[in-house]
Amino acid sequence: MTLSKISRGQRVTIVSLKLTRSLEERLAALGLFPGAEVEVVRSSRSGEAILSCMDSRIAIGSDLSKRIEVV
């Protein structure tokens, strides 16, 4: 399942990132990497989301949320 399908308030674990190497490294620096637990603070139907991860909030667009696999 991708992050774009997760509802507000749910906690999930990132399984994989289907992104370019440089974008994966940038997200890892923000705390988004395989194994990281995130909570969806806010989400839209189109897939945009605000995530809570390691005491930070991160906003991501729909293109990105559709490429992050979670469980």
N, C-alpha and C. Protein backbone atom coordinates (compact mmCIF):
# COMPACT_ATOMS: atom_id res chain seq x y z
N MET A 1 0.85 -1.16 0.00
CA MET A 1 0.00 0.00 0.00
C MET A 1 0.90 1.23 0.00
N THR A 2 0.46 2.28 -0.65
CA THR A 2 1.26 3.51 -0.69
C THR A 2 0.78 4.50 0.36
N LEU A 3 1.64 5.43 0.68
CA LEU A 3 1.33 6.45 1.67
C LEU A 3 0.14 7.30 1.27
N SER A 4 -0.13 7.44 -0.02
CA SER A 4 -1.24 8.25 -0.50
C SER A 4 -2.60 7.67 -0.09
N LYS A 5 -2.65 6.40 0.27
CA LYS A 5 -3.90 5.72 0.65
C LYS A 5 -4.16 5.74 2.16
N ILE A 6 -3.26 6.30 2.95
CA ILE A 6 -3.37 6.26 4.40
C ILE A 6 -4.19 7.45 4.89
N SER A 7 -5.09 7.19 5.82
CA SER A 7 -5.97 8.22 6.36
C SER A 7 -5.32 8.96 7.51
N ARG A 8 -5.85 10.14 7.78
CA ARG A 8 -5.37 10.98 8.88
C ARG A 8 -5.42 10.21 10.20
N GLY A 9 -4.38 10.35 11.00
CA GLY A 9 -4.32 9.73 12.32
C GLY A 9 -3.70 8.34 12.34
N GLN A 10 -3.47 7.73 11.19
CA GLN A 10 -2.90 6.39 11.16
C GLN A 10 -1.38 6.46 11.26
N ARG A 11 -0.81 5.46 11.95
CA ARG A 11 0.65 5.31 12.05
C ARG A 11 1.04 4.14 11.17
N VAL A 12 2.07 4.34 10.37
CA VAL A 12 2.54 3.30 9.46
C VAL A 12 4.06 3.26 9.49
N THR A 13 4.60 2.18 8.93
CA THR A 13 6.05 2.02 8.80
C THR A 13 6.41 2.04 7.32
N ILE A 14 7.42 2.81 6.97
CA ILE A 14 7.87 2.88 5.58
C ILE A 14 8.58 1.59 5.23
N VAL A 15 8.18 0.99 4.10
CA VAL A 15 8.79 -0.25 3.63
C VAL A 15 9.83 0.04 2.55
N SER A 16 9.46 0.87 1.58
CA SER A 16 10.41 1.20 0.50
C SER A 16 10.06 2.54 -0.12
N LEU A 17 11.07 3.12 -0.75
CA LEU A 17 10.92 4.38 -1.47
C LEU A 17 11.27 4.12 -2.92
N LYS A 18 10.36 4.39 -3.80
CA LYS A 18 10.60 4.18 -5.24
C LYS A 18 10.93 5.54 -5.86
N LEU A 19 12.14 6.02 -5.54
CA LEU A 19 12.57 7.36 -5.92
C LEU A 19 13.99 7.32 -6.46
N THR A 20 14.43 8.46 -6.97
CA THR A 20 15.83 8.56 -7.39
C THR A 20 16.72 8.53 -6.15
N ARG A 21 17.95 8.19 -6.35
CA ARG A 21 18.91 8.08 -5.24
C ARG A 21 19.04 9.40 -4.49
N SER A 22 19.13 10.51 -5.20
CA SER A 22 19.31 11.81 -4.54
C SER A 22 18.07 12.19 -3.72
N LEU A 23 16.89 11.88 -4.23
CA LEU A 23 15.67 12.19 -3.48
C LEU A 23 15.54 11.28 -2.26
N GLU A 24 15.93 10.02 -2.40
CA GLU A 24 15.93 9.11 -1.25
C GLU A 24 16.86 9.63 -0.16
N GLU A 25 18.03 10.11 -0.54
CA GLU A 25 18.99 10.65 0.44
C GLU A 25 18.43 11.89 1.13
N ARG A 26 17.75 12.74 0.37
CA ARG A 26 17.17 13.95 0.95
C ARG A 26 16.08 13.59 1.96
N LEU A 27 15.21 12.64 1.60
CA LEU A 27 14.16 12.23 2.52
C LEU A 27 14.73 11.52 3.75
N ALA A 28 15.79 10.76 3.56
CA ALA A 28 16.44 10.09 4.70
C ALA A 28 16.96 11.12 5.69
N ALA A 29 17.49 12.22 5.18
CA ALA A 29 17.98 13.29 6.06
C ALA A 29 16.84 13.92 6.86
N LEU A 30 15.61 13.84 6.33
CA LEU A 30 14.44 14.37 7.03
C LEU A 30 13.79 13.33 7.94
N GLY A 31 14.29 12.08 7.89
CA GLY A 31 13.75 11.02 8.74
C GLY A 31 12.83 10.06 8.05
N LEU A 32 12.69 10.18 6.73
CA LEU A 32 11.84 9.26 5.96
C LEU A 32 12.72 8.25 5.24
N PHE A 33 12.79 7.05 5.79
CA PHE A 33 13.61 5.97 5.24
C PHE A 33 12.94 4.66 5.59
N PRO A 34 13.27 3.55 4.90
CA PRO A 34 12.66 2.26 5.23
C PRO A 34 12.88 1.90 6.70
N GLY A 35 11.80 1.54 7.36
CA GLY A 35 11.84 1.20 8.77
C GLY A 35 11.35 2.32 9.67
N ALA A 36 11.27 3.54 9.15
CA ALA A 36 10.82 4.68 9.95
C ALA A 36 9.31 4.63 10.14
N GLU A 37 8.86 4.96 11.35
CA GLU A 37 7.43 5.06 11.64
C GLU A 37 7.00 6.49 11.44
N VAL A 38 5.87 6.67 10.75
CA VAL A 38 5.33 8.00 10.53
C VAL A 38 3.84 8.00 10.86
N GLU A 39 3.34 9.15 11.24
CA GLU A 39 1.91 9.33 11.47
C GLU A 39 1.41 10.36 10.47
N VAL A 40 0.27 10.07 9.86
CA VAL A 40 -0.32 11.01 8.92
C VAL A 40 -1.13 12.02 9.74
N VAL A 41 -0.67 13.26 9.76
CA VAL A 41 -1.32 14.32 10.52
C VAL A 41 -2.49 14.89 9.71
N ARG A 42 -2.27 15.05 8.42
CA ARG A 42 -3.31 15.57 7.54
C ARG A 42 -3.10 14.95 6.16
N SER A 43 -4.20 14.64 5.48
CA SER A 43 -4.10 14.09 4.13
C SER A 43 -5.25 14.61 3.29
N SER A 44 -5.02 14.63 1.99
CA SER A 44 -6.06 15.04 1.06
C SER A 44 -6.40 13.87 0.14
N ARG A 45 -7.50 13.97 -0.54
CA ARG A 45 -7.91 12.91 -1.44
C ARG A 45 -6.93 12.73 -2.60
N SER A 46 -6.29 13.81 -2.97
CA SER A 46 -5.34 13.72 -4.10
C SER A 46 -4.00 13.11 -3.69
N GLY A 47 -3.74 12.97 -2.39
CA GLY A 47 -2.52 12.31 -1.94
C GLY A 47 -1.54 13.17 -1.18
N GLU A 48 -1.73 14.50 -1.18
CA GLU A 48 -0.83 15.34 -0.40
C GLU A 48 -0.99 15.00 1.08
N ALA A 49 0.09 15.12 1.84
CA ALA A 49 0.02 14.74 3.25
C ALA A 49 1.01 15.55 4.09
N ILE A 50 0.65 15.69 5.35
CA ILE A 50 1.58 16.21 6.34
C ILE A 50 1.86 15.05 7.28
N LEU A 51 3.13 14.74 7.46
CA LEU A 51 3.56 13.59 8.25
C LEU A 51 4.24 14.05 9.52
N SER A 52 4.07 13.28 10.57
CA SER A 52 4.82 13.49 11.80
C SER A 52 5.82 12.35 11.90
N CYS A 53 7.10 12.74 12.00
CA CYS A 53 8.17 11.75 12.03
C CYS A 53 9.31 12.30 12.87
N MET A 54 9.67 11.58 13.93
CA MET A 54 10.79 11.96 14.78
C MET A 54 10.68 13.41 15.26
N ASP A 55 9.57 13.76 15.84
CA ASP A 55 9.32 15.10 16.40
C ASP A 55 9.36 16.21 15.36
N SER A 56 9.17 15.88 14.10
CA SER A 56 9.12 16.88 13.03
C SER A 56 7.86 16.66 12.21
N ARG A 57 7.45 17.70 11.51
CA ARG A 57 6.33 17.60 10.57
C ARG A 57 6.88 17.86 9.18
N ILE A 58 6.48 17.00 8.25
CA ILE A 58 6.99 17.08 6.89
C ILE A 58 5.80 17.06 5.93
N ALA A 59 5.74 18.02 5.03
CA ALA A 59 4.70 18.06 4.00
C ALA A 59 5.24 17.43 2.73
N ILE A 60 4.44 16.53 2.13
CA ILE A 60 4.84 15.92 0.87
C ILE A 60 3.69 16.02 -0.13
N GLY A 61 4.04 16.07 -1.39
CA GLY A 61 3.05 16.16 -2.46
C GLY A 61 2.52 14.79 -2.86
N SER A 62 1.50 14.80 -3.68
CA SER A 62 0.86 13.56 -4.09
C SER A 62 1.78 12.67 -4.92
N ASP A 63 2.60 13.25 -5.79
CA ASP A 63 3.52 12.43 -6.60
C ASP A 63 4.47 11.64 -5.70
N LEU A 64 4.94 12.26 -4.66
CA LEU A 64 5.85 11.61 -3.73
C LEU A 64 5.14 10.57 -2.87
N SER A 65 3.97 10.90 -2.35
CA SER A 65 3.26 9.97 -1.47
C SER A 65 2.84 8.69 -2.20
N LYS A 66 2.66 8.78 -3.50
CA LYS A 66 2.28 7.60 -4.28
C LYS A 66 3.47 6.67 -4.55
N ARG A 67 4.68 7.12 -4.22
CA ARG A 67 5.88 6.33 -4.47
C ARG A 67 6.52 5.82 -3.19
N ILE A 68 5.84 5.99 -2.06
CA ILE A 68 6.35 5.51 -0.77
C ILE A 68 5.46 4.36 -0.31
N GLU A 69 6.04 3.17 -0.24
CA GLU A 69 5.32 1.96 0.19
C GLU A 69 5.35 1.86 1.71
N VAL A 70 4.18 1.55 2.32
CA VAL A 70 4.08 1.45 3.77
C VAL A 70 3.28 0.22 4.18
N VAL A 71 3.42 -0.14 5.45
CA VAL A 71 2.58 -1.19 6.06
C VAL A 71 2.06 -0.70 7.38
